Structures are given as C-alpha cells and as structure tokens.
mmCIF file of all heavy atoms, coordinates in Angstrom:
data_MODEL
# 
_entry.id   MODEL 
# 
loop_
_atom_site.group_PDB 
_atom_site.id 
_atom_site.type_symbol 
_atom_site.label_atom_id 
_atom_site.label_alt_id 
_atom_site.label_comp_id 
_atom_site.label_asym_id 
_atom_site.label_entity_id 
_atom_site.label_seq_id 
_atom_site.pdbx_PDB_ins_code 
_atom_site.Cartn_x 
_atom_site.Cartn_y 
_atom_site.Cartn_z 
_atom_site.occupancy 
_atom_site.B_iso_or_equiv 
_atom_site.pdbx_formal_charge 
_atom_site.auth_seq_id 
_atom_site.auth_comp_id 
_atom_site.auth_asym_id 
_atom_site.auth_atom_id 
_atom_site.pdbx_PDB_model_num 
ATOM 1   N N   . LEU A 1 1  ? 10.748 -2.613  -7.213  1.00 0.00 ? 1  LEU A N   1 
ATOM 2   C CA  . LEU A 1 1  ? 9.540  -1.904  -7.256  1.00 0.00 ? 1  LEU A CA  1 
ATOM 3   C C   . LEU A 1 1  ? 9.312  -1.183  -5.971  1.00 0.00 ? 1  LEU A C   1 
ATOM 4   O O   . LEU A 1 1  ? 8.916  -0.059  -5.900  1.00 0.00 ? 1  LEU A O   1 
ATOM 5   C CB  . LEU A 1 1  ? 8.371  -2.836  -7.537  1.00 0.00 ? 1  LEU A CB  1 
ATOM 6   C CG  . LEU A 1 1  ? 8.331  -3.360  -8.939  1.00 0.00 ? 1  LEU A CG  1 
ATOM 7   C CD1 . LEU A 1 1  ? 7.192  -4.537  -8.982  1.00 0.00 ? 1  LEU A CD1 1 
ATOM 8   C CD2 . LEU A 1 1  ? 7.957  -2.309  -9.983  1.00 0.00 ? 1  LEU A CD2 1 
ATOM 9   N N   . LEU A 1 2  ? 9.515  -1.872  -4.799  1.00 0.00 ? 2  LEU A N   1 
ATOM 10  C CA  . LEU A 1 2  ? 9.373  -1.311  -3.496  1.00 0.00 ? 2  LEU A CA  1 
ATOM 11  C C   . LEU A 1 2  ? 10.339 -0.235  -3.183  1.00 0.00 ? 2  LEU A C   1 
ATOM 12  O O   . LEU A 1 2  ? 9.873  0.829   -2.614  1.00 0.00 ? 2  LEU A O   1 
ATOM 13  C CB  . LEU A 1 2  ? 9.477  -2.442  -2.474  1.00 0.00 ? 2  LEU A CB  1 
ATOM 14  C CG  . LEU A 1 2  ? 8.407  -3.535  -2.385  1.00 0.00 ? 2  LEU A CG  1 
ATOM 15  C CD1 . LEU A 1 2  ? 8.842  -4.641  -1.469  1.00 0.00 ? 2  LEU A CD1 1 
ATOM 16  C CD2 . LEU A 1 2  ? 7.052  -2.931  -2.011  1.00 0.00 ? 2  LEU A CD2 1 
ATOM 17  N N   . ASP A 1 3  ? 11.520 -0.374  -3.657  1.00 0.00 ? 3  ASP A N   1 
ATOM 18  C CA  . ASP A 1 3  ? 12.570 0.638   -3.428  1.00 0.00 ? 3  ASP A CA  1 
ATOM 19  C C   . ASP A 1 3  ? 12.185 1.947   -4.182  1.00 0.00 ? 3  ASP A C   1 
ATOM 20  O O   . ASP A 1 3  ? 12.614 3.106   -3.714  1.00 0.00 ? 3  ASP A O   1 
ATOM 21  C CB  . ASP A 1 3  ? 13.941 0.203   -3.843  1.00 0.00 ? 3  ASP A CB  1 
ATOM 22  C CG  . ASP A 1 3  ? 14.550 -0.871  -2.969  1.00 0.00 ? 3  ASP A CG  1 
ATOM 23  O OD1 . ASP A 1 3  ? 14.043 -1.037  -1.846  1.00 0.00 ? 3  ASP A OD1 1 
ATOM 24  O OD2 . ASP A 1 3  ? 15.495 -1.554  -3.375  1.00 0.00 ? 3  ASP A OD2 1 
ATOM 25  N N   . ARG A 1 4  ? 11.475 1.851   -5.257  1.00 0.00 ? 4  ARG A N   1 
ATOM 26  C CA  . ARG A 1 4  ? 11.193 3.113   -6.064  1.00 0.00 ? 4  ARG A CA  1 
ATOM 27  C C   . ARG A 1 4  ? 9.798  3.660   -5.623  1.00 0.00 ? 4  ARG A C   1 
ATOM 28  O O   . ARG A 1 4  ? 9.452  4.636   -6.125  1.00 0.00 ? 4  ARG A O   1 
ATOM 29  C CB  . ARG A 1 4  ? 11.159 2.893   -7.599  1.00 0.00 ? 4  ARG A CB  1 
ATOM 30  C CG  . ARG A 1 4  ? 10.061 2.155   -8.135  1.00 0.00 ? 4  ARG A CG  1 
ATOM 31  C CD  . ARG A 1 4  ? 10.190 2.087   -9.654  1.00 0.00 ? 4  ARG A CD  1 
ATOM 32  N NE  . ARG A 1 4  ? 8.939  1.638   -10.242 1.00 0.00 ? 4  ARG A NE  1 
ATOM 33  C CZ  . ARG A 1 4  ? 8.667  1.544   -11.635 1.00 0.00 ? 4  ARG A CZ  1 
ATOM 34  N NH1 . ARG A 1 4  ? 9.637  1.948   -12.400 1.00 0.00 ? 4  ARG A NH1 1 
ATOM 35  N NH2 . ARG A 1 4  ? 7.518  1.055   -12.010 1.00 0.00 ? 4  ARG A NH2 1 
ATOM 36  N N   . GLY A 1 5  ? 9.224  3.027   -4.640  1.00 0.00 ? 5  GLY A N   1 
ATOM 37  C CA  . GLY A 1 5  ? 7.952  3.560   -4.108  1.00 0.00 ? 5  GLY A CA  1 
ATOM 38  C C   . GLY A 1 5  ? 6.710  2.973   -4.575  1.00 0.00 ? 5  GLY A C   1 
ATOM 39  O O   . GLY A 1 5  ? 5.580  3.500   -4.316  1.00 0.00 ? 5  GLY A O   1 
ATOM 40  N N   . ASP A 1 6  ? 6.719  1.893   -5.313  1.00 0.00 ? 6  ASP A N   1 
ATOM 41  C CA  . ASP A 1 6  ? 5.543  1.293   -5.878  1.00 0.00 ? 6  ASP A CA  1 
ATOM 42  C C   . ASP A 1 6  ? 4.965  0.274   -4.835  1.00 0.00 ? 6  ASP A C   1 
ATOM 43  O O   . ASP A 1 6  ? 5.498  0.062   -3.812  1.00 0.00 ? 6  ASP A O   1 
ATOM 44  C CB  . ASP A 1 6  ? 5.831  0.445   -7.228  1.00 0.00 ? 6  ASP A CB  1 
ATOM 45  C CG  . ASP A 1 6  ? 6.177  1.393   -8.294  1.00 0.00 ? 6  ASP A CG  1 
ATOM 46  O OD1 . ASP A 1 6  ? 5.741  2.590   -8.242  1.00 0.00 ? 6  ASP A OD1 1 
ATOM 47  O OD2 . ASP A 1 6  ? 6.847  0.944   -9.244  1.00 0.00 ? 6  ASP A OD2 1 
ATOM 48  N N   . ARG A 1 7  ? 3.702  -0.275  -5.129  1.00 0.00 ? 7  ARG A N   1 
ATOM 49  C CA  . ARG A 1 7  ? 3.064  -1.188  -4.283  1.00 0.00 ? 7  ARG A CA  1 
ATOM 50  C C   . ARG A 1 7  ? 3.184  -2.581  -5.016  1.00 0.00 ? 7  ARG A C   1 
ATOM 51  O O   . ARG A 1 7  ? 3.204  -2.608  -6.212  1.00 0.00 ? 7  ARG A O   1 
ATOM 52  C CB  . ARG A 1 7  ? 1.635  -0.893  -4.173  1.00 0.00 ? 7  ARG A CB  1 
ATOM 53  C CG  . ARG A 1 7  ? 1.326  0.371   -3.351  1.00 0.00 ? 7  ARG A CG  1 
ATOM 54  C CD  . ARG A 1 7  ? -0.207 0.434   -2.890  1.00 0.00 ? 7  ARG A CD  1 
ATOM 55  N NE  . ARG A 1 7  ? -1.070 0.390   -4.163  1.00 0.00 ? 7  ARG A NE  1 
ATOM 56  C CZ  . ARG A 1 7  ? -2.385 0.399   -4.007  1.00 0.00 ? 7  ARG A CZ  1 
ATOM 57  N NH1 . ARG A 1 7  ? -2.991 0.482   -2.873  1.00 0.00 ? 7  ARG A NH1 1 
ATOM 58  N NH2 . ARG A 1 7  ? -3.104 0.457   -5.081  1.00 0.00 ? 7  ARG A NH2 1 
ATOM 59  N N   . VAL A 1 8  ? 3.372  -3.639  -4.179  1.00 0.00 ? 8  VAL A N   1 
ATOM 60  C CA  . VAL A 1 8  ? 3.473  -4.966  -4.604  1.00 0.00 ? 8  VAL A CA  1 
ATOM 61  C C   . VAL A 1 8  ? 2.520  -5.951  -3.911  1.00 0.00 ? 8  VAL A C   1 
ATOM 62  O O   . VAL A 1 8  ? 2.598  -6.002  -2.689  1.00 0.00 ? 8  VAL A O   1 
ATOM 63  C CB  . VAL A 1 8  ? 4.905  -5.486  -4.536  1.00 0.00 ? 8  VAL A CB  1 
ATOM 64  C CG1 . VAL A 1 8  ? 4.966  -7.004  -5.093  1.00 0.00 ? 8  VAL A CG1 1 
ATOM 65  C CG2 . VAL A 1 8  ? 5.905  -4.676  -5.426  1.00 0.00 ? 8  VAL A CG2 1 
ATOM 66  N N   . ALA A 1 9  ? 1.682  -6.622  -4.624  1.00 0.00 ? 9  ALA A N   1 
ATOM 67  C CA  . ALA A 1 9  ? 0.898  -7.694  -4.229  1.00 0.00 ? 9  ALA A CA  1 
ATOM 68  C C   . ALA A 1 9  ? 1.604  -9.027  -4.368  1.00 0.00 ? 9  ALA A C   1 
ATOM 69  O O   . ALA A 1 9  ? 1.669  -9.442  -5.614  1.00 0.00 ? 9  ALA A O   1 
ATOM 70  C CB  . ALA A 1 9  ? -0.476 -7.686  -4.700  1.00 0.00 ? 9  ALA A CB  1 
ATOM 71  N N   . ALA A 1 10 ? 2.245  -9.565  -3.473  1.00 0.00 ? 10 ALA A N   1 
ATOM 72  C CA  . ALA A 1 10 ? 3.093  -10.804 -3.674  1.00 0.00 ? 10 ALA A CA  1 
ATOM 73  C C   . ALA A 1 10 ? 2.222  -12.055 -3.353  1.00 0.00 ? 10 ALA A C   1 
ATOM 74  O O   . ALA A 1 10 ? 1.738  -12.262 -2.213  1.00 0.00 ? 10 ALA A O   1 
ATOM 75  C CB  . ALA A 1 10 ? 4.328  -10.829 -2.858  1.00 0.00 ? 10 ALA A CB  1 
ATOM 76  N N   . LEU A 1 11 ? 2.007  -12.879 -4.336  1.00 0.00 ? 11 LEU A N   1 
ATOM 77  C CA  . LEU A 1 11 ? 1.330  -14.185 -4.109  1.00 0.00 ? 11 LEU A CA  1 
ATOM 78  C C   . LEU A 1 11 ? 2.483  -15.257 -3.971  1.00 0.00 ? 11 LEU A C   1 
ATOM 79  O O   . LEU A 1 11 ? 3.114  -15.716 -4.964  1.00 0.00 ? 11 LEU A O   1 
ATOM 80  C CB  . LEU A 1 11 ? 0.354  -14.520 -5.263  1.00 0.00 ? 11 LEU A CB  1 
ATOM 81  C CG  . LEU A 1 11 ? -1.008 -13.957 -5.225  1.00 0.00 ? 11 LEU A CG  1 
ATOM 82  C CD1 . LEU A 1 11 ? -0.880 -12.446 -4.963  1.00 0.00 ? 11 LEU A CD1 1 
ATOM 83  C CD2 . LEU A 1 11 ? -1.779 -14.316 -6.439  1.00 0.00 ? 11 LEU A CD2 1 
ATOM 84  N N   . VAL A 1 12 ? 2.620  -15.865 -2.851  1.00 0.00 ? 12 VAL A N   1 
ATOM 85  C CA  . VAL A 1 12 ? 3.823  -16.620 -2.484  1.00 0.00 ? 12 VAL A CA  1 
ATOM 86  C C   . VAL A 1 12 ? 3.349  -17.872 -1.704  1.00 0.00 ? 12 VAL A C   1 
ATOM 87  O O   . VAL A 1 12 ? 2.423  -17.839 -0.939  1.00 0.00 ? 12 VAL A O   1 
ATOM 88  C CB  . VAL A 1 12 ? 4.888  -15.929 -1.842  1.00 0.00 ? 12 VAL A CB  1 
ATOM 89  C CG1 . VAL A 1 12 ? 5.421  -14.783 -2.618  1.00 0.00 ? 12 VAL A CG1 1 
ATOM 90  C CG2 . VAL A 1 12 ? 4.507  -15.292 -0.478  1.00 0.00 ? 12 VAL A CG2 1 
ATOM 91  N N   . ARG A 1 13 ? 4.135  -18.959 -1.793  1.00 0.00 ? 13 ARG A N   1 
ATOM 92  C CA  . ARG A 1 13 ? 3.979  -20.214 -0.903  1.00 0.00 ? 13 ARG A CA  1 
ATOM 93  C C   . ARG A 1 13 ? 4.573  -19.992 0.430   1.00 0.00 ? 13 ARG A C   1 
ATOM 94  O O   . ARG A 1 13 ? 4.036  -20.498 1.457   1.00 0.00 ? 13 ARG A O   1 
ATOM 95  C CB  . ARG A 1 13 ? 4.596  -21.314 -1.559  1.00 0.00 ? 13 ARG A CB  1 
ATOM 96  C CG  . ARG A 1 13 ? 3.855  -21.916 -2.800  1.00 0.00 ? 13 ARG A CG  1 
ATOM 97  C CD  . ARG A 1 13 ? 4.412  -23.221 -3.259  1.00 0.00 ? 13 ARG A CD  1 
ATOM 98  N NE  . ARG A 1 13 ? 5.863  -23.126 -3.683  1.00 0.00 ? 13 ARG A NE  1 
ATOM 99  C CZ  . ARG A 1 13 ? 6.765  -23.673 -3.002  1.00 0.00 ? 13 ARG A CZ  1 
ATOM 100 N NH1 . ARG A 1 13 ? 6.590  -24.218 -1.793  1.00 0.00 ? 13 ARG A NH1 1 
ATOM 101 N NH2 . ARG A 1 13 ? 7.960  -23.550 -3.476  1.00 0.00 ? 13 ARG A NH2 1 
ATOM 102 N N   . ARG A 1 14 ? 5.632  -19.134 0.606   1.00 0.00 ? 14 ARG A N   1 
ATOM 103 C CA  . ARG A 1 14 ? 6.340  -18.963 1.888   1.00 0.00 ? 14 ARG A CA  1 
ATOM 104 C C   . ARG A 1 14 ? 6.480  -17.489 2.143   1.00 0.00 ? 14 ARG A C   1 
ATOM 105 O O   . ARG A 1 14 ? 7.454  -16.830 1.858   1.00 0.00 ? 14 ARG A O   1 
ATOM 106 C CB  . ARG A 1 14 ? 7.787  -19.614 1.756   1.00 0.00 ? 14 ARG A CB  1 
ATOM 107 C CG  . ARG A 1 14 ? 7.804  -21.063 1.364   1.00 0.00 ? 14 ARG A CG  1 
ATOM 108 C CD  . ARG A 1 14 ? 9.275  -21.630 1.332   1.00 0.00 ? 14 ARG A CD  1 
ATOM 109 N NE  . ARG A 1 14 ? 9.977  -21.063 0.174   1.00 0.00 ? 14 ARG A NE  1 
ATOM 110 C CZ  . ARG A 1 14 ? 10.966 -20.105 0.317   1.00 0.00 ? 14 ARG A CZ  1 
ATOM 111 N NH1 . ARG A 1 14 ? 11.287 -19.641 1.525   1.00 0.00 ? 14 ARG A NH1 1 
ATOM 112 N NH2 . ARG A 1 14 ? 11.552 -19.664 -0.806  1.00 0.00 ? 14 ARG A NH2 1 
ATOM 113 N N   . PRO A 1 15 ? 5.446  -17.041 2.768   1.00 0.00 ? 15 PRO A N   1 
ATOM 114 C CA  . PRO A 1 15 ? 5.367  -15.566 3.192   1.00 0.00 ? 15 PRO A CA  1 
ATOM 115 C C   . PRO A 1 15 ? 6.622  -15.122 4.081   1.00 0.00 ? 15 PRO A C   1 
ATOM 116 O O   . PRO A 1 15 ? 7.128  -14.030 3.934   1.00 0.00 ? 15 PRO A O   1 
ATOM 117 C CB  . PRO A 1 15 ? 4.134  -15.369 3.961   1.00 0.00 ? 15 PRO A CB  1 
ATOM 118 C CG  . PRO A 1 15 ? 3.293  -16.496 3.531   1.00 0.00 ? 15 PRO A CG  1 
ATOM 119 C CD  . PRO A 1 15 ? 4.301  -17.583 3.185   1.00 0.00 ? 15 PRO A CD  1 
ATOM 120 N N   . GLU A 1 16 ? 7.064  -16.044 4.807   1.00 0.00 ? 16 GLU A N   1 
ATOM 121 C CA  . GLU A 1 16 ? 8.256  -15.755 5.715   1.00 0.00 ? 16 GLU A CA  1 
ATOM 122 C C   . GLU A 1 16 ? 9.477  -15.397 4.920   1.00 0.00 ? 16 GLU A C   1 
ATOM 123 O O   . GLU A 1 16 ? 10.453 -14.665 5.359   1.00 0.00 ? 16 GLU A O   1 
ATOM 124 C CB  . GLU A 1 16 ? 8.570  -16.916 6.622   1.00 0.00 ? 16 GLU A CB  1 
ATOM 125 C CG  . GLU A 1 16 ? 9.121  -18.171 5.873   1.00 0.00 ? 16 GLU A CG  1 
ATOM 126 C CD  . GLU A 1 16 ? 7.990  -19.147 5.403   1.00 0.00 ? 16 GLU A CD  1 
ATOM 127 O OE1 . GLU A 1 16 ? 6.782  -18.683 5.396   1.00 0.00 ? 16 GLU A OE1 1 
ATOM 128 O OE2 . GLU A 1 16 ? 8.278  -20.223 4.944   1.00 0.00 ? 16 GLU A OE2 1 
ATOM 129 N N   . ALA A 1 17 ? 9.612  -15.844 3.588   1.00 0.00 ? 17 ALA A N   1 
ATOM 130 C CA  . ALA A 1 17 ? 10.716 -15.403 2.761   1.00 0.00 ? 17 ALA A CA  1 
ATOM 131 C C   . ALA A 1 17 ? 10.812 -14.012 2.517   1.00 0.00 ? 17 ALA A C   1 
ATOM 132 O O   . ALA A 1 17 ? 11.802 -13.487 1.924   1.00 0.00 ? 17 ALA A O   1 
ATOM 133 C CB  . ALA A 1 17 ? 10.700 -16.299 1.484   1.00 0.00 ? 17 ALA A CB  1 
ATOM 134 N N   . LEU A 1 18 ? 9.681  -13.249 2.617   1.00 0.00 ? 18 LEU A N   1 
ATOM 135 C CA  . LEU A 1 18 ? 9.590  -11.843 2.371   1.00 0.00 ? 18 LEU A CA  1 
ATOM 136 C C   . LEU A 1 18 ? 9.685  -11.036 3.628   1.00 0.00 ? 18 LEU A C   1 
ATOM 137 O O   . LEU A 1 18 ? 9.380  -9.802  3.583   1.00 0.00 ? 18 LEU A O   1 
ATOM 138 C CB  . LEU A 1 18 ? 8.340  -11.500 1.572   1.00 0.00 ? 18 LEU A CB  1 
ATOM 139 C CG  . LEU A 1 18 ? 8.309  -12.132 0.114   1.00 0.00 ? 18 LEU A CG  1 
ATOM 140 C CD1 . LEU A 1 18 ? 6.897  -11.660 -0.451  1.00 0.00 ? 18 LEU A CD1 1 
ATOM 141 C CD2 . LEU A 1 18 ? 9.508  -11.725 -0.692  1.00 0.00 ? 18 LEU A CD2 1 
ATOM 142 N N   . GLU A 1 19 ? 9.893  -11.671 4.824   1.00 0.00 ? 19 GLU A N   1 
ATOM 143 C CA  . GLU A 1 19 ? 9.881  -10.976 6.139   1.00 0.00 ? 19 GLU A CA  1 
ATOM 144 C C   . GLU A 1 19 ? 10.798 -9.696  6.103   1.00 0.00 ? 19 GLU A C   1 
ATOM 145 O O   . GLU A 1 19 ? 10.430 -8.697  6.701   1.00 0.00 ? 19 GLU A O   1 
ATOM 146 C CB  . GLU A 1 19 ? 10.275 -11.918 7.174   1.00 0.00 ? 19 GLU A CB  1 
ATOM 147 C CG  . GLU A 1 19 ? 9.866  -11.524 8.569   1.00 0.00 ? 19 GLU A CG  1 
ATOM 148 C CD  . GLU A 1 19 ? 8.446  -11.257 8.852   1.00 0.00 ? 19 GLU A CD  1 
ATOM 149 O OE1 . GLU A 1 19 ? 7.641  -12.005 8.176   1.00 0.00 ? 19 GLU A OE1 1 
ATOM 150 O OE2 . GLU A 1 19 ? 8.079  -10.340 9.512   1.00 0.00 ? 19 GLU A OE2 1 
ATOM 151 N N   . ASP A 1 20 ? 11.929 -9.756  5.404   1.00 0.00 ? 20 ASP A N   1 
ATOM 152 C CA  . ASP A 1 20 ? 12.845 -8.711  5.447   1.00 0.00 ? 20 ASP A CA  1 
ATOM 153 C C   . ASP A 1 20 ? 12.440 -7.505  4.698   1.00 0.00 ? 20 ASP A C   1 
ATOM 154 O O   . ASP A 1 20 ? 13.064 -6.469  4.675   1.00 0.00 ? 20 ASP A O   1 
ATOM 155 C CB  . ASP A 1 20 ? 14.226 -9.249  4.935   1.00 0.00 ? 20 ASP A CB  1 
ATOM 156 C CG  . ASP A 1 20 ? 14.196 -9.701  3.485   1.00 0.00 ? 20 ASP A CG  1 
ATOM 157 O OD1 . ASP A 1 20 ? 13.283 -10.469 3.213   1.00 0.00 ? 20 ASP A OD1 1 
ATOM 158 O OD2 . ASP A 1 20 ? 15.031 -9.321  2.605   1.00 0.00 ? 20 ASP A OD2 1 
ATOM 159 N N   . LEU A 1 21 ? 11.280 -7.704  3.936   1.00 0.00 ? 21 LEU A N   1 
ATOM 160 C CA  . LEU A 1 21 ? 10.753 -6.430  3.179   1.00 0.00 ? 21 LEU A CA  1 
ATOM 161 C C   . LEU A 1 21 ? 9.580  -5.888  3.844   1.00 0.00 ? 21 LEU A C   1 
ATOM 162 O O   . LEU A 1 21 ? 8.979  -4.960  3.344   1.00 0.00 ? 21 LEU A O   1 
ATOM 163 C CB  . LEU A 1 21 ? 10.369 -6.974  1.741   1.00 0.00 ? 21 LEU A CB  1 
ATOM 164 C CG  . LEU A 1 21 ? 11.395 -7.613  0.943   1.00 0.00 ? 21 LEU A CG  1 
ATOM 165 C CD1 . LEU A 1 21 ? 10.855 -7.983  -0.508  1.00 0.00 ? 21 LEU A CD1 1 
ATOM 166 C CD2 . LEU A 1 21 ? 12.634 -6.622  0.761   1.00 0.00 ? 21 LEU A CD2 1 
ATOM 167 N N   . ARG A 1 22 ? 9.234  -6.356  5.058   1.00 0.00 ? 22 ARG A N   1 
ATOM 168 C CA  . ARG A 1 22 ? 8.087  -5.878  5.746   1.00 0.00 ? 22 ARG A CA  1 
ATOM 169 C C   . ARG A 1 22 ? 8.247  -4.339  6.127   1.00 0.00 ? 22 ARG A C   1 
ATOM 170 O O   . ARG A 1 22 ? 7.304  -3.620  6.370   1.00 0.00 ? 22 ARG A O   1 
ATOM 171 C CB  . ARG A 1 22 ? 7.924  -6.583  7.115   1.00 0.00 ? 22 ARG A CB  1 
ATOM 172 C CG  . ARG A 1 22 ? 7.514  -8.045  6.881   1.00 0.00 ? 22 ARG A CG  1 
ATOM 173 C CD  . ARG A 1 22 ? 6.009  -8.148  6.495   1.00 0.00 ? 22 ARG A CD  1 
ATOM 174 N NE  . ARG A 1 22 ? 5.606  -9.560  6.536   1.00 0.00 ? 22 ARG A NE  1 
ATOM 175 C CZ  . ARG A 1 22 ? 4.297  -9.960  6.284   1.00 0.00 ? 22 ARG A CZ  1 
ATOM 176 N NH1 . ARG A 1 22 ? 3.438  -9.025  5.963   1.00 0.00 ? 22 ARG A NH1 1 
ATOM 177 N NH2 . ARG A 1 22 ? 4.037  -11.214 6.358   1.00 0.00 ? 22 ARG A NH2 1 
ATOM 178 N N   . GLY A 1 23 ? 9.504  -3.815  6.074   1.00 0.00 ? 23 GLY A N   1 
ATOM 179 C CA  . GLY A 1 23 ? 9.707  -2.412  6.431   1.00 0.00 ? 23 GLY A CA  1 
ATOM 180 C C   . GLY A 1 23 ? 9.092  -1.491  5.393   1.00 0.00 ? 23 GLY A C   1 
ATOM 181 O O   . GLY A 1 23 ? 8.957  -0.280  5.717   1.00 0.00 ? 23 GLY A O   1 
ATOM 182 N N   . HIS A 1 24 ? 8.591  -2.001  4.316   1.00 0.00 ? 24 HIS A N   1 
ATOM 183 C CA  . HIS A 1 24 ? 7.992  -1.112  3.245   1.00 0.00 ? 24 HIS A CA  1 
ATOM 184 C C   . HIS A 1 24 ? 6.487  -0.866  3.687   1.00 0.00 ? 24 HIS A C   1 
ATOM 185 O O   . HIS A 1 24 ? 5.832  -0.253  2.889   1.00 0.00 ? 24 HIS A O   1 
ATOM 186 C CB  . HIS A 1 24 ? 8.101  -1.809  1.938   1.00 0.00 ? 24 HIS A CB  1 
ATOM 187 C CG  . HIS A 1 24 ? 9.540  -1.798  1.345   1.00 0.00 ? 24 HIS A CG  1 
ATOM 188 N ND1 . HIS A 1 24 ? 10.058 -0.726  0.829   1.00 0.00 ? 24 HIS A ND1 1 
ATOM 189 C CD2 . HIS A 1 24 ? 10.395 -2.773  1.376   1.00 0.00 ? 24 HIS A CD2 1 
ATOM 190 C CE1 . HIS A 1 24 ? 11.381 -1.008  0.432   1.00 0.00 ? 24 HIS A CE1 1 
ATOM 191 N NE2 . HIS A 1 24 ? 11.576 -2.246  0.767   1.00 0.00 ? 24 HIS A NE2 1 
ATOM 192 N N   . GLY A 1 25 ? 6.061  -1.475  4.772   1.00 0.00 ? 25 GLY A N   1 
ATOM 193 C CA  . GLY A 1 25 ? 4.675  -1.190  5.281   1.00 0.00 ? 25 GLY A CA  1 
ATOM 194 C C   . GLY A 1 25 ? 3.587  -1.759  4.362   1.00 0.00 ? 25 GLY A C   1 
ATOM 195 O O   . GLY A 1 25 ? 3.775  -2.851  3.752   1.00 0.00 ? 25 GLY A O   1 
ATOM 196 N N   . ASP A 1 26 ? 2.596  -0.848  4.151   1.00 0.00 ? 26 ASP A N   1 
ATOM 197 C CA  . ASP A 1 26 ? 1.369  -1.333  3.466   1.00 0.00 ? 26 ASP A CA  1 
ATOM 198 C C   . ASP A 1 26 ? 1.625  -1.345  2.000   1.00 0.00 ? 26 ASP A C   1 
ATOM 199 O O   . ASP A 1 26 ? 0.708  -1.609  1.238   1.00 0.00 ? 26 ASP A O   1 
ATOM 200 C CB  . ASP A 1 26 ? 0.219  -0.628  3.906   1.00 0.00 ? 26 ASP A CB  1 
ATOM 201 C CG  . ASP A 1 26 ? 0.280  0.931   3.595   1.00 0.00 ? 26 ASP A CG  1 
ATOM 202 O OD1 . ASP A 1 26 ? 1.340  1.321   3.005   1.00 0.00 ? 26 ASP A OD1 1 
ATOM 203 O OD2 . ASP A 1 26 ? -0.595 1.606   3.918   1.00 0.00 ? 26 ASP A OD2 1 
ATOM 204 N N   . ARG A 1 27 ? 2.847  -0.928  1.462   1.00 0.00 ? 27 ARG A N   1 
ATOM 205 C CA  . ARG A 1 27 ? 3.057  -1.011  0.051   1.00 0.00 ? 27 ARG A CA  1 
ATOM 206 C C   . ARG A 1 27 ? 3.431  -2.406  -0.338  1.00 0.00 ? 27 ARG A C   1 
ATOM 207 O O   . ARG A 1 27 ? 3.571  -2.744  -1.551  1.00 0.00 ? 27 ARG A O   1 
ATOM 208 C CB  . ARG A 1 27 ? 4.312  -0.081  -0.294  1.00 0.00 ? 27 ARG A CB  1 
ATOM 209 C CG  . ARG A 1 27 ? 3.792  1.426   -0.329  1.00 0.00 ? 27 ARG A CG  1 
ATOM 210 C CD  . ARG A 1 27 ? 4.791  2.312   -0.982  1.00 0.00 ? 27 ARG A CD  1 
ATOM 211 N NE  . ARG A 1 27 ? 6.065  2.341   -0.268  1.00 0.00 ? 27 ARG A NE  1 
ATOM 212 C CZ  . ARG A 1 27 ? 7.115  1.743   -0.658  1.00 0.00 ? 27 ARG A CZ  1 
ATOM 213 N NH1 . ARG A 1 27 ? 7.252  1.111   -1.890  1.00 0.00 ? 27 ARG A NH1 1 
ATOM 214 N NH2 . ARG A 1 27 ? 8.379  1.897   -0.044  1.00 0.00 ? 27 ARG A NH2 1 
# 
C-alpha cells in the first residue's frame, strides 16, 4: 500500500517493528 502511494494507519503492539517504513512520511 505504501509503495503504491496509499496511506496506512497501523495499529501495532511494537511500533519499532515498522521503523524501516518511516521513510514514507505522513502516509
């Protein structure tokens, strides 16, 4: 979803596991 330009609201227990996706900014 992020790669195609969509926005994602991720509800997660471990936010650090998505740290490598922070480059997508406010999406």
